[in-house]
């Protein structure tokens, strides 16, 4: 019997000191099992996340546990809501541009990344 596809879970995390610490534990637990760029590590993402005003967390879980994670920031504009992956959406705070940005997941999980971002 084939495994079910990972379940996508959306949540609105509280990013105070305790919330950041708890999310960092989950994020860092996944890091060793994927090929993360430096910009996908909690060291980088956690620093930016502390500035998020309206965070959205997307997690993918299967029978083994967490298999992918992404943290976005929502900004409201005149044209509607915009989601930013690993950015605040504020040009003054996002002066550094990063490469190899994306949900933290195994490289073979492109379809899962697409599902996660569409779920947002």
PDB file of N, CA and C in Angstrom:
ATOM      1  N   UNK A   1       0.843  -1.178   0.000  1.00  0.00           N
ATOM      2  CA  UNK A   1       0.000   0.000   0.000  1.00  0.00           C
ATOM      3  C   UNK A   1       0.892   1.246   0.000  1.00  0.00           C
ATOM      4  N   UNK A   2       0.743   2.130  -0.994  1.00  0.00           N
ATOM      5  CA  UNK A   2       1.602   3.311  -1.074  1.00  0.00           C
ATOM      6  C   UNK A   2       1.294   4.300   0.048  1.00  0.00           C
ATOM      7  N   UNK A   3       2.344   5.031   0.442  1.00  0.00           N
ATOM      8  CA  UNK A   3       2.159   6.069   1.456  1.00  0.00           C
ATOM      9  C   UNK A   3       1.309   7.198   0.894  1.00  0.00           C
ATOM     10  N   UNK A   4       0.568   7.819   1.786  1.00  0.00           N
ATOM     11  CA  UNK A   4      -0.208   8.988   1.382  1.00  0.00           C
ATOM     12  C   UNK A   4       0.738  10.162   1.170  1.00  0.00           C
ATOM     13  N   UNK A   5       0.344  11.115   0.315  1.00  0.00           N
ATOM     14  CA  UNK A   5       1.191  12.299   0.157  1.00  0.00           C
ATOM     15  C   UNK A   5       1.225  13.082   1.468  1.00  0.00           C
ATOM     16  N   UNK A   6       2.282  13.843   1.686  1.00  0.00           N
ATOM     17  CA  UNK A   6       2.372  14.614   2.927  1.00  0.00           C
ATOM     18  C   UNK A   6       1.183  15.555   3.099  1.00  0.00           C
ATOM     19  N   UNK A   7       0.772  15.707   4.336  1.00  0.00           N
ATOM     20  CA  UNK A   7      -0.306  16.635   4.683  1.00  0.00           C
ATOM     21  C   UNK A   7       0.286  18.035   4.799  1.00  0.00           C
ATOM     22  N   UNK A   8      -0.380  19.016   4.203  1.00  0.00           N
ATOM     23  CA  UNK A   8       0.046  20.416   4.278  1.00  0.00           C
ATOM     24  C   UNK A   8      -0.721  21.082   5.413  1.00  0.00           C
ATOM     25  N   UNK A   9       0.009  21.713   6.327  1.00  0.00           N
ATOM     26  CA  UNK A   9      -0.597  22.361   7.492  1.00  0.00           C
ATOM     27  C   UNK A   9      -0.197  23.831   7.494  1.00  0.00           C
ATOM     28  N   UNK A  10      -1.191  24.723   7.501  1.00  0.00           N
ATOM     29  CA  UNK A  10      -0.956  26.164   7.584  1.00  0.00           C
ATOM     30  C   UNK A  10      -1.242  26.628   9.000  1.00  0.00           C
ATOM     31  N   UNK A  11      -0.413  27.533   9.513  1.00  0.00           N
ATOM     32  CA  UNK A  11      -0.668  28.090  10.843  1.00  0.00           C
ATOM     33  C   UNK A  11      -0.129  29.509  10.915  1.00  0.00           C
ATOM     34  N   UNK A  12      -0.571  30.217  11.932  1.00  0.00           N
ATOM     35  CA  UNK A  12      -0.125  31.591  12.195  1.00  0.00           C
ATOM     36  C   UNK A  12       0.706  31.571  13.475  1.00  0.00           C
ATOM     37  N   UNK A  13       2.009  31.383  13.365  1.00  0.00           N
ATOM     38  CA  UNK A  13       2.824  31.279  14.577  1.00  0.00           C
ATOM     39  C   UNK A  13       2.983  32.622  15.278  1.00  0.00           C
ATOM     40  N   UNK A  14       3.150  32.567  16.573  1.00  0.00           N
ATOM     41  CA  UNK A  14       3.499  33.745  17.356  1.00  0.00           C
ATOM     42  C   UNK A  14       5.017  33.817  17.370  1.00  0.00           C
ATOM     43  N   UNK A  15       5.560  34.924  16.903  1.00  0.00           N
ATOM     44  CA  UNK A  15       7.004  35.019  16.779  1.00  0.00           C
ATOM     45  C   UNK A  15       7.623  35.902  17.858  1.00  0.00           C
ATOM     46  N   UNK A  16       7.153  35.712  19.094  1.00  0.00           N
ATOM     47  CA  UNK A  16       7.851  36.319  20.223  1.00  0.00           C
ATOM     48  C   UNK A  16       9.067  35.438  20.512  1.00  0.00           C
ATOM     49  N   UNK A  17       9.811  35.731  21.558  1.00  0.00           N
ATOM     50  CA  UNK A  17      11.038  34.971  21.842  1.00  0.00           C
ATOM     51  C   UNK A  17      10.761  33.478  21.995  1.00  0.00           C
ATOM     52  N   UNK A  18       9.709  33.122  22.722  1.00  0.00           N
ATOM     53  CA  UNK A  18       9.385  31.706  22.929  1.00  0.00           C
ATOM     54  C   UNK A  18       8.934  31.049  21.627  1.00  0.00           C
ATOM     55  N   UNK A  19       8.124  31.751  20.842  1.00  0.00           N
ATOM     56  CA  UNK A  19       7.652  31.211  19.571  1.00  0.00           C
ATOM     57  C   UNK A  19       8.782  30.996  18.581  1.00  0.00           C
ATOM     58  N   UNK A  20       9.706  31.962  18.523  1.00  0.00           N
ATOM     59  CA  UNK A  20      10.869  31.809  17.645  1.00  0.00           C
ATOM     60  C   UNK A  20      11.732  30.627  18.076  1.00  0.00           C
ATOM     61  N   UNK A  21      11.917  30.483  19.377  1.00  0.00           N
ATOM     62  CA  UNK A  21      12.731  29.371  19.882  1.00  0.00           C
ATOM     63  C   UNK A  21      12.098  28.028  19.530  1.00  0.00           C
ATOM     64  N   UNK A  22      10.789  27.902  19.711  1.00  0.00           N
ATOM     65  CA  UNK A  22      10.096  26.644  19.416  1.00  0.00           C
ATOM     66  C   UNK A  22      10.140  26.327  17.921  1.00  0.00           C
ATOM     67  N   UNK A  23       9.909  27.334  17.092  1.00  0.00           N
ATOM     68  CA  UNK A  23       9.960  27.119  15.650  1.00  0.00           C
ATOM     69  C   UNK A  23      11.383  26.772  15.214  1.00  0.00           C
ATOM     70  N   UNK A  24      12.358  27.409  15.825  1.00  0.00           N
ATOM     71  CA  UNK A  24      13.753  27.122  15.502  1.00  0.00           C
ATOM     72  C   UNK A  24      14.133  25.677  15.777  1.00  0.00           C
ATOM     73  N   UNK A  25      13.596  25.110  16.837  1.00  0.00           N
ATOM     74  CA  UNK A  25      13.874  23.701  17.157  1.00  0.00           C
ATOM     75  C   UNK A  25      13.352  22.801  16.040  1.00  0.00           C
ATOM     76  N   UNK A  26      12.112  23.030  15.604  1.00  0.00           N
ATOM     77  CA  UNK A  26      11.529  22.203  14.531  1.00  0.00           C
ATOM     78  C   UNK A  26      12.315  22.384  13.228  1.00  0.00           C
ATOM     79  N   UNK A  27      12.625  23.637  12.913  1.00  0.00           N
ATOM     80  CA  UNK A  27      13.340  23.944  11.669  1.00  0.00           C
ATOM     81  C   UNK A  27      14.708  23.268  11.658  1.00  0.00           C
ATOM     82  N   UNK A  28      15.450  23.419  12.744  1.00  0.00           N
ATOM     83  CA  UNK A  28      16.807  22.849  12.815  1.00  0.00           C
ATOM     84  C   UNK A  28      16.795  21.322  12.820  1.00  0.00           C
ATOM     85  N   UNK A  29      15.726  20.731  13.312  1.00  0.00           N
ATOM     86  CA  UNK A  29      15.612  19.273  13.297  1.00  0.00           C
ATOM     87  C   UNK A  29      15.536  18.762  11.856  1.00  0.00           C
ATOM     88  N   UNK A  30      14.930  19.538  10.958  1.00  0.00           N
ATOM     89  CA  UNK A  30      14.787  19.136   9.560  1.00  0.00           C
ATOM     90  C   UNK A  30      16.053  19.430   8.742  1.00  0.00           C
ATOM     91  N   UNK A  31      16.781  20.466   9.084  1.00  0.00           N
ATOM     92  CA  UNK A  31      17.934  20.911   8.287  1.00  0.00           C
ATOM     93  C   UNK A  31      18.918  19.806   7.907  1.00  0.00           C
ATOM     94  N   UNK A  32      19.345  18.931   8.827  1.00  0.00           N
ATOM     95  CA  UNK A  32      20.359  17.926   8.455  1.00  0.00           C
ATOM     96  C   UNK A  32      19.892  16.923   7.399  1.00  0.00           C
ATOM     97  N   UNK A  33      18.592  16.759   7.235  1.00  0.00           N
ATOM     98  CA  UNK A  33      18.093  15.744   6.303  1.00  0.00           C
ATOM     99  C   UNK A  33      17.859  16.283   4.895  1.00  0.00           C
ATOM    100  N   UNK A  34      18.123  17.566   4.668  1.00  0.00           N
ATOM    101  CA  UNK A  34      17.930  18.168   3.342  1.00  0.00           C
ATOM    102  C   UNK A  34      19.204  18.910   2.941  1.00  0.00           C
ATOM    103  N   UNK A  35      19.275  19.287   1.682  1.00  0.00           N
ATOM    104  CA  UNK A  35      20.418  20.058   1.190  1.00  0.00           C
ATOM    105  C   UNK A  35      20.078  21.543   1.256  1.00  0.00           C
ATOM    106  N   UNK A  36      20.155  22.119   2.431  1.00  0.00           N
ATOM    107  CA  UNK A  36      19.771  23.517   2.620  1.00  0.00           C
ATOM    108  C   UNK A  36      20.891  24.456   2.198  1.00  0.00           C
ATOM    109  N   UNK A  37      20.511  25.523   1.523  1.00  0.00           N
ATOM    110  CA  UNK A  37      21.471  26.595   1.280  1.00  0.00           C
ATOM    111  C   UNK A  37      21.604  27.377   2.587  1.00  0.00           C
ATOM    112  N   UNK A  38      22.631  28.175   2.745  1.00  0.00           N
ATOM    113  CA  UNK A  38      22.750  28.972   3.975  1.00  0.00           C
ATOM    114  C   UNK A  38      21.528  29.862   4.212  1.00  0.00           C
ATOM    115  N   UNK A  39      20.846  30.249   3.133  1.00  0.00           N
ATOM    116  CA  UNK A  39      19.694  31.136   3.243  1.00  0.00           C
ATOM    117  C   UNK A  39      18.416  30.410   3.659  1.00  0.00           C
ATOM    118  N   UNK A  40      18.475  29.093   3.741  1.00  0.00           N
ATOM    119  CA  UNK A  40      17.326  28.304   4.181  1.00  0.00           C
ATOM    120  C   UNK A  40      17.500  27.793   5.604  1.00  0.00           C
ATOM    121  N   UNK A  41      18.636  28.084   6.217  1.00  0.00           N
ATOM    122  CA  UNK A  41      18.878  27.620   7.577  1.00  0.00           C
ATOM    123  C   UNK A  41      18.166  28.521   8.578  1.00  0.00           C
ATOM    124  N   UNK A  42      17.923  27.983   9.764  1.00  0.00           N
ATOM    125  CA  UNK A  42      17.251  28.772  10.794  1.00  0.00           C
ATOM    126  C   UNK A  42      18.101  29.969  11.216  1.00  0.00           C
ATOM    127  N   UNK A  43      19.405  29.854  11.118  1.00  0.00           N
ATOM    128  CA  UNK A  43      20.266  30.986  11.457  1.00  0.00           C
ATOM    129  C   UNK A  43      19.892  32.196  10.614  1.00  0.00           C
ATOM    130  N   UNK A  44      19.625  31.993   9.337  1.00  0.00           N
ATOM    131  CA  UNK A  44      19.240  33.087   8.445  1.00  0.00           C
ATOM    132  C   UNK A  44      17.749  33.400   8.588  1.00  0.00           C
ATOM    133  N   UNK A  45      16.916  32.389   8.425  1.00  0.00           N
ATOM    134  CA  UNK A  45      15.465  32.599   8.426  1.00  0.00           C
ATOM    135  C   UNK A  45      14.981  33.133   9.770  1.00  0.00           C
ATOM    136  N   UNK A  46      15.518  32.616  10.865  1.00  0.00           N
ATOM    137  CA  UNK A  46      15.091  33.058  12.186  1.00  0.00           C
ATOM    138  C   UNK A  46      15.381  34.520  12.439  1.00  0.00           C
ATOM    139  N   UNK A  47      16.486  35.016  11.896  1.00  0.00           N
ATOM    140  CA  UNK A  47      16.826  36.431  12.047  1.00  0.00           C
ATOM    141  C   UNK A  47      15.807  37.310  11.329  1.00  0.00           C
ATOM    142  N   UNK A  48      15.440  36.917  10.118  1.00  0.00           N
ATOM    143  CA  UNK A  48      14.445  37.675   9.357  1.00  0.00           C
ATOM    144  C   UNK A  48      13.064  37.528   9.988  1.00  0.00           C
ATOM    145  N   UNK A  49      12.741  36.328  10.446  1.00  0.00           N
ATOM    146  CA  UNK A  49      11.409  36.047  11.002  1.00  0.00           C
ATOM    147  C   UNK A  49      11.081  36.937  12.189  1.00  0.00           C
ATOM    148  N   UNK A  50      12.080  37.335  12.932  1.00  0.00           N
ATOM    149  CA  UNK A  50      11.848  38.195  14.093  1.00  0.00           C
ATOM    150  C   UNK A  50      11.227  39.529  13.690  1.00  0.00           C
ATOM    151  N   UNK A  51      11.312  39.887  12.408  1.00  0.00           N
ATOM    152  CA  UNK A  51      10.760  41.150  11.918  1.00  0.00           C
ATOM    153  C   UNK A  51       9.393  40.989  11.247  1.00  0.00           C
ATOM    154  N   UNK A  52       8.892  39.767  11.140  1.00  0.00           N
ATOM    155  CA  UNK A  52       7.624  39.535  10.450  1.00  0.00           C
ATOM    156  C   UNK A  52       6.451  40.076  11.258  1.00  0.00           C
ATOM    157  N   UNK A  53       5.598  40.836  10.602  1.00  0.00           N
ATOM    158  CA  UNK A  53       4.415  41.383  11.264  1.00  0.00           C
ATOM    159  C   UNK A  53       3.227  40.424  11.189  1.00  0.00           C
ATOM    160  N   UNK A  54       3.129  39.648  10.109  1.00  0.00           N
ATOM    161  CA  UNK A  54       1.975  38.767   9.899  1.00  0.00           C
ATOM    162  C   UNK A  54       2.454  37.438   9.304  1.00  0.00           C
ATOM    163  N   UNK A  55       3.105  36.588  10.119  1.00  0.00           N
ATOM    164  CA  UNK A  55       3.712  35.365   9.597  1.00  0.00           C
ATOM    165  C   UNK A  55       2.702  34.275   9.248  1.00  0.00           C
ATOM    166  N   UNK A  56       3.063  33.484   8.252  1.00  0.00           N
ATOM    167  CA  UNK A  56       2.303  32.299   7.865  1.00  0.00           C
ATOM    168  C   UNK A  56       3.298  31.149   7.762  1.00  0.00           C
ATOM    169  N   UNK A  57       3.056  30.101   8.527  1.00  0.00           N
ATOM    170  CA  UNK A  57       3.921  28.925   8.531  1.00  0.00           C
ATOM    171  C   UNK A  57       3.245  27.822   7.731  1.00  0.00           C
ATOM    172  N   UNK A  58       3.998  27.214   6.817  1.00  0.00           N
ATOM    173  CA  UNK A  58       3.506  26.079   6.037  1.00  0.00           C
ATOM    174  C   UNK A  58       4.403  24.893   6.367  1.00  0.00           C
ATOM    175  N   UNK A  59       3.800  23.809   6.829  1.00  0.00           N
ATOM    176  CA  UNK A  59       4.545  22.598   7.141  1.00  0.00           C
ATOM    177  C   UNK A  59       3.948  21.437   6.364  1.00  0.00           C
ATOM    178  N   UNK A  60       4.802  20.533   5.920  1.00  0.00           N
ATOM    179  CA  UNK A  60       4.357  19.298   5.280  1.00  0.00           C
ATOM    180  C   UNK A  60       4.805  18.144   6.165  1.00  0.00           C
ATOM    181  N   UNK A  61       3.840  17.284   6.510  1.00  0.00           N
ATOM    182  CA  UNK A  61       4.122  16.166   7.412  1.00  0.00           C
ATOM    183  C   UNK A  61       3.632  14.871   6.787  1.00  0.00           C
ATOM    184  N   UNK A  62       4.463  13.833   6.926  1.00  0.00           N
ATOM    185  CA  UNK A  62       4.024  12.508   6.509  1.00  0.00           C
ATOM    186  C   UNK A  62       4.126  11.568   7.703  1.00  0.00           C
ATOM    187  N   UNK A  63       4.085  10.276   7.453  1.00  0.00           N
ATOM    188  CA  UNK A  63       4.094   9.312   8.558  1.00  0.00           C
ATOM    189  C   UNK A  63       5.391   9.346   9.363  1.00  0.00           C
ATOM    190  N   UNK A  64       6.452   9.914   8.796  1.00  0.00           N
ATOM    191  CA  UNK A  64       7.728   9.998   9.512  1.00  0.00           C
ATOM    192  C   UNK A  64       7.875  11.300  10.293  1.00  0.00           C
ATOM    193  N   UNK A  65       6.996  12.255  10.048  1.00  0.00           N
ATOM    194  CA  UNK A  65       7.075  13.554  10.726  1.00  0.00           C
ATOM    195  C   UNK A  65       7.217  14.691   9.728  1.00  0.00           C
ATOM    196  N   UNK A  66       7.867  15.754  10.145  1.00  0.00           N
ATOM    197  CA  UNK A  66       8.041  16.949   9.324  1.00  0.00           C
ATOM    198  C   UNK A  66       8.979  16.654   8.157  1.00  0.00           C
ATOM    199  N   UNK A  67       8.528  16.958   6.926  1.00  0.00           N
ATOM    200  CA  UNK A  67       9.360  16.723   5.745  1.00  0.00           C
ATOM    201  C   UNK A  67       9.659  18.006   4.972  1.00  0.00           C
ATOM    202  N   UNK A  68       8.943  19.092   5.279  1.00  0.00           N
ATOM    203  CA  UNK A  68       9.186  20.374   4.613  1.00  0.00           C
ATOM    204  C   UNK A  68       8.595  21.489   5.463  1.00  0.00           C
ATOM    205  N   UNK A  69       9.201  22.674   5.350  1.00  0.00           N
ATOM    206  CA  UNK A  69       8.730  23.810   6.135  1.00  0.00           C
ATOM    207  C   UNK A  69       9.053  25.099   5.385  1.00  0.00           C
ATOM    208  N   UNK A  70       8.166  26.074   5.479  1.00  0.00           N
ATOM    209  CA  UNK A  70       8.380  27.390   4.877  1.00  0.00           C
ATOM    210  C   UNK A  70       7.719  28.434   5.765  1.00  0.00           C
ATOM    211  N   UNK A  71       8.352  29.579   5.874  1.00  0.00           N
ATOM    212  CA  UNK A  71       7.811  30.680   6.664  1.00  0.00           C
ATOM    213  C   UNK A  71       7.682  31.894   5.759  1.00  0.00           C
ATOM    214  N   UNK A  72       6.472  32.402   5.665  1.00  0.00           N
ATOM    215  CA  UNK A  72       6.201  33.556   4.817  1.00  0.00           C
ATOM    216  C   UNK A  72       5.713  34.716   5.674  1.00  0.00           C
ATOM    217  N   UNK A  73       5.824  35.923   5.128  1.00  0.00           N
ATOM    218  CA  UNK A  73       5.269  37.101   5.777  1.00  0.00           C
ATOM    219  C   UNK A  73       4.200  37.673   4.857  1.00  0.00           C
ATOM    220  N   UNK A  74       3.063  38.011   5.426  1.00  0.00           N
ATOM    221  CA  UNK A  74       1.955  38.576   4.656  1.00  0.00           C
ATOM    222  C   UNK A  74       1.971  40.094   4.827  1.00  0.00           C
ATOM    223  N   UNK A  75       1.877  40.796   3.700  1.00  0.00           N
ATOM    224  CA  UNK A  75       1.736  42.259   3.735  1.00  0.00           C
ATOM    225  C   UNK A  75       0.500  42.629   2.950  1.00  0.00           C
ATOM    226  N   UNK A  76      -0.237  43.538   3.498  1.00  0.00           N
ATOM    227  CA  UNK A  76      -1.448  44.012   2.830  1.00  0.00           C
ATOM    228  C   UNK A  76      -1.083  45.213   1.962  1.00  0.00           C
ATOM    229  N   UNK A  77      -1.528  45.183   0.707  1.00  0.00           N
ATOM    230  CA  UNK A  77      -1.272  46.280  -0.217  1.00  0.00           C
ATOM    231  C   UNK A  77      -2.597  46.758  -0.786  1.00  0.00           C
ATOM    232  N   UNK A  78      -2.546  47.810  -1.567  1.00  0.00           N
ATOM    233  CA  UNK A  78      -3.772  48.316  -2.199  1.00  0.00           C
ATOM    234  C   UNK A  78      -4.377  47.271  -3.125  1.00  0.00           C
ATOM    235  N   UNK A  79      -3.550  46.394  -3.651  1.00  0.00           N
ATOM    236  CA  UNK A  79      -4.023  45.378  -4.591  1.00  0.00           C
ATOM    237  C   UNK A  79      -4.376  44.060  -3.920  1.00  0.00           C
ATOM    238  N   UNK A  80      -4.220  43.989  -2.607  1.00  0.00           N
ATOM    239  CA  UNK A  80      -4.530  42.764  -1.874  1.00  0.00           C
ATOM    240  C   UNK A  80      -3.327  42.269  -1.094  1.00  0.00           C
ATOM    241  N   UNK A  81      -3.472  41.084  -0.535  1.00  0.00           N
ATOM    242  CA  UNK A  81      -2.398  40.503   0.266  1.00  0.00           C
ATOM    243  C   UNK A  81      -1.286  39.954  -0.630  1.00  0.00           C
ATOM    244  N   UNK A  82      -0.053  40.116  -0.161  1.00  0.00           N
ATOM    245  CA  UNK A  82       1.115  39.577  -0.846  1.00  0.00           C
ATOM    246  C   UNK A  82       1.895  38.755   0.172  1.00  0.00           C
ATOM    247  N   UNK A  83       2.321  37.559  -0.227  1.00  0.00           N
ATOM    248  CA  UNK A  83       3.126  36.701   0.643  1.00  0.00           C
ATOM    249  C   UNK A  83       4.585  36.763   0.213  1.00  0.00           C
ATOM    250  N   UNK A  84       5.474  36.902   1.196  1.00  0.00           N
ATOM    251  CA  UNK A  84       6.913  36.978   0.951  1.00  0.00           C
ATOM    252  C   UNK A  84       7.597  35.808   1.631  1.00  0.00           C
ATOM    253  N   UNK A  85       8.382  35.058   0.875  1.00  0.00           N
ATOM    254  CA  UNK A  85       9.119  33.915   1.403  1.00  0.00           C
ATOM    255  C   UNK A  85      10.492  34.377   1.866  1.00  0.00           C
ATOM    256  N   UNK A  86      10.740  34.277   3.168  1.00  0.00           N
ATOM    257  CA  UNK A  86      12.017  34.657   3.772  1.00  0.00           C
ATOM    258  C   UNK A  86      12.365  36.120   3.524  1.00  0.00           C
ATOM    259  N   UNK A  87      11.362  36.968   3.418  1.00  0.00           N
ATOM    260  CA  UNK A  87      11.522  38.415   3.293  1.00  0.00           C
ATOM    261  C   UNK A  87      10.421  39.077   4.103  1.00  0.00           C
ATOM    262  N   UNK A  88      10.649  40.325   4.490  1.00  0.00           N
ATOM    263  CA  UNK A  88       9.608  41.052   5.222  1.00  0.00           C
ATOM    264  C   UNK A  88       8.602  41.683   4.275  1.00  0.00           C
ATOM    265  N   UNK A  89       9.023  41.986   3.043  1.00  0.00           N
ATOM    266  CA  UNK A  89       8.174  42.715   2.118  1.00  0.00           C
ATOM    267  C   UNK A  89       8.390  44.215   2.207  1.00  0.00           C
ATOM    268  N   UNK A  90       9.235  44.651   3.116  1.00  0.00           N
ATOM    269  CA  UNK A  90       9.574  46.061   3.296  1.00  0.00           C
ATOM    270  C   UNK A  90      10.934  46.290   2.638  1.00  0.00           C
ATOM    271  N   UNK A  91      10.989  47.070   1.542  1.00  0.00           N
ATOM    272  CA  UNK A  91      12.261  47.259   0.836  1.00  0.00           C
ATOM    273  C   UNK A  91      13.396  47.768   1.729  1.00  0.00           C
ATOM    274  N   UNK A  92      13.086  48.554   2.728  1.00  0.00           N
ATOM    275  CA  UNK A  92      14.128  49.063   3.622  1.00  0.00           C
ATOM    276  C   UNK A  92      14.753  47.940   4.453  1.00  0.00           C
ATOM    277  N   UNK A  93      13.984  46.902   4.735  1.00  0.00           N
ATOM    278  CA  UNK A  93      14.491  45.776   5.535  1.00  0.00           C
ATOM    279  C   UNK A  93      15.006  44.627   4.678  1.00  0.00           C
ATOM    280  N   UNK A  94      14.644  44.622   3.418  1.00  0.00           N
ATOM    281  CA  UNK A  94      15.020  43.524   2.527  1.00  0.00           C
ATOM    282  C   UNK A  94      16.106  43.956   1.548  1.00  0.00           C
ATOM    283  N   UNK A  95      17.103  44.676   2.022  1.00  0.00           N
ATOM    284  CA  UNK A  95      18.164  45.180   1.153  1.00  0.00           C
ATOM    285  C   UNK A  95      19.068  44.064   0.634  1.00  0.00           C
ATOM    286  N   UNK A  96      19.130  42.954   1.345  1.00  0.00           N
ATOM    287  CA  UNK A  96      19.962  41.829   0.921  1.00  0.00           C
ATOM    288  C   UNK A  96      19.105  40.875   0.094  1.00  0.00           C
ATOM    289  N   UNK A  97      19.567  40.546  -1.100  1.00  0.00           N
ATOM    290  CA  UNK A  97      18.854  39.597  -1.945  1.00  0.00           C
ATOM    291  C   UNK A  97      19.514  38.233  -1.797  1.00  0.00           C
ATOM    292  N   UNK A  98      18.705  37.199  -1.699  1.00  0.00           N
ATOM    293  CA  UNK A  98      19.259  35.873  -1.458  1.00  0.00           C
ATOM    294  C   UNK A  98      19.011  34.946  -2.642  1.00  0.00           C
ATOM    295  N   UNK A  99      19.895  33.975  -2.775  1.00  0.00           N
ATOM    296  CA  UNK A  99      19.777  32.959  -3.814  1.00  0.00           C
ATOM    297  C   UNK A  99      19.398  31.634  -3.169  1.00  0.00           C
ATOM    298  N   UNK A 100      18.954  30.706  -4.001  1.00  0.00           N
ATOM    299  CA  UNK A 100      18.553  29.371  -3.521  1.00  0.00           C
ATOM    300  C   UNK A 100      17.547  29.485  -2.387  1.00  0.00           C
ATOM    301  N   UNK A 101      16.560  30.295  -2.613  1.00  0.00           N
ATOM    302  CA  UNK A 101      15.509  30.516  -1.631  1.00  0.00           C
ATOM    303  C   UNK A 101      14.351  29.575  -1.940  1.00  0.00           C
ATOM    304  N   UNK A 102      13.739  29.035  -0.924  1.00  0.00           N
ATOM    305  CA  UNK A 102      12.590  28.171  -1.114  1.00  0.00           C
ATOM    306  C   UNK A 102      12.260  27.465   0.177  1.00  0.00           C
ATOM    307  N   UNK A 103      11.168  26.726   0.199  1.00  0.00           N
ATOM    308  CA  UNK A 103      10.849  25.935   1.388  1.00  0.00           C
ATOM    309  C   UNK A 103      11.999  24.989   1.714  1.00  0.00           C
ATOM    310  N   UNK A 104      12.183  24.717   2.973  1.00  0.00           N
ATOM    311  CA  UNK A 104      13.219  23.777   3.404  1.00  0.00           C
ATOM    312  C   UNK A 104      12.684  22.367   3.203  1.00  0.00           C
ATOM    313  N   UNK A 105      13.197  21.688   2.189  1.00  0.00           N
ATOM    314  CA  UNK A 105      12.752  20.343   1.851  1.00  0.00           C
ATOM    315  C   UNK A 105      13.809  19.671   0.985  1.00  0.00           C
ATOM    316  N   UNK A 106      13.716  18.389   0.826  1.00  0.00           N
ATOM    317  CA  UNK A 106      14.660  17.656  -0.017  1.00  0.00           C
ATOM    318  C   UNK A 106      14.530  18.127  -1.465  1.00  0.00           C
ATOM    319  N   UNK A 107      15.640  18.164  -2.214  1.00  0.00           N
ATOM    320  CA  UNK A 107      15.593  18.628  -3.602  1.00  0.00           C
ATOM    321  C   UNK A 107      14.636  17.831  -4.477  1.00  0.00           C
ATOM    322  N   UNK A 108      14.387  16.590  -4.145  1.00  0.00           N
ATOM    323  CA  UNK A 108      13.500  15.746  -4.955  1.00  0.00           C
ATOM    324  C   UNK A 108      12.026  16.047  -4.718  1.00  0.00           C
ATOM    325  N   UNK A 109      11.730  17.011  -3.883  1.00  0.00           N
ATOM    326  CA  UNK A 109      10.346  17.295  -3.496  1.00  0.00           C
ATOM    327  C   UNK A 109       9.778  18.543  -4.176  1.00  0.00           C
ATOM    328  N   UNK A 110      10.102  18.775  -5.443  1.00  0.00           N
ATOM    329  CA  UNK A 110       9.599  19.953  -6.148  1.00  0.00           C
ATOM    330  C   UNK A 110       8.078  20.016  -6.155  1.00  0.00           C
ATOM    331  N   UNK A 111       7.428  18.893  -6.380  1.00  0.00           N
ATOM    332  CA  UNK A 111       5.962  18.870  -6.408  1.00  0.00           C
ATOM    333  C   UNK A 111       5.392  19.239  -5.045  1.00  0.00           C
ATOM    334  N   UNK A 112       6.045  18.793  -3.979  1.00  0.00           N
ATOM    335  CA  UNK A 112       5.590  19.133  -2.633  1.00  0.00           C
ATOM    336  C   UNK A 112       5.737  20.628  -2.387  1.00  0.00           C
ATOM    337  N   UNK A 113       6.850  21.221  -2.819  1.00  0.00           N
ATOM    338  CA  UNK A 113       7.036  22.671  -2.665  1.00  0.00           C
ATOM    339  C   UNK A 113       5.922  23.433  -3.371  1.00  0.00           C
ATOM    340  N   UNK A 114       5.585  23.002  -4.560  1.00  0.00           N
ATOM    341  CA  UNK A 114       4.507  23.648  -5.308  1.00  0.00           C
ATOM    342  C   UNK A 114       3.190  23.540  -4.551  1.00  0.00           C
ATOM    343  N   UNK A 115       2.882  22.366  -4.019  1.00  0.00           N
ATOM    344  CA  UNK A 115       1.643  22.187  -3.247  1.00  0.00           C
ATOM    345  C   UNK A 115       1.625  23.083  -2.019  1.00  0.00           C
ATOM    346  N   UNK A 116       2.769  23.180  -1.334  1.00  0.00           N
ATOM    347  CA  UNK A 116       2.844  23.996  -0.120  1.00  0.00           C
ATOM    348  C   UNK A 116       2.550  25.463  -0.431  1.00  0.00           C
ATOM    349  N   UNK A 117       3.194  25.987  -1.466  1.00  0.00           N
ATOM    350  CA  UNK A 117       3.022  27.399  -1.785  1.00  0.00           C
ATOM    351  C   UNK A 117       1.632  27.686  -2.340  1.00  0.00           C
ATOM    352  N   UNK A 118       1.068  26.749  -3.062  1.00  0.00           N
ATOM    353  CA  UNK A 118      -0.313  26.939  -3.532  1.00  0.00           C
ATOM    354  C   UNK A 118      -1.305  26.920  -2.377  1.00  0.00           C
ATOM    355  N   UNK A 119      -1.010  26.164  -1.338  1.00  0.00           N
ATOM    356  CA  UNK A 119      -1.906  26.089  -0.176  1.00  0.00           C
ATOM    357  C   UNK A 119      -1.983  27.416   0.568  1.00  0.00           C
ATOM    358  N   UNK A 120      -0.924  28.205   0.458  1.00  0.00           N
ATOM    359  CA  UNK A 120      -0.902  29.503   1.149  1.00  0.00           C
ATOM    360  C   UNK A 120      -1.871  30.445   0.488  1.00  0.00           C
TER     361      UNK A 120
END
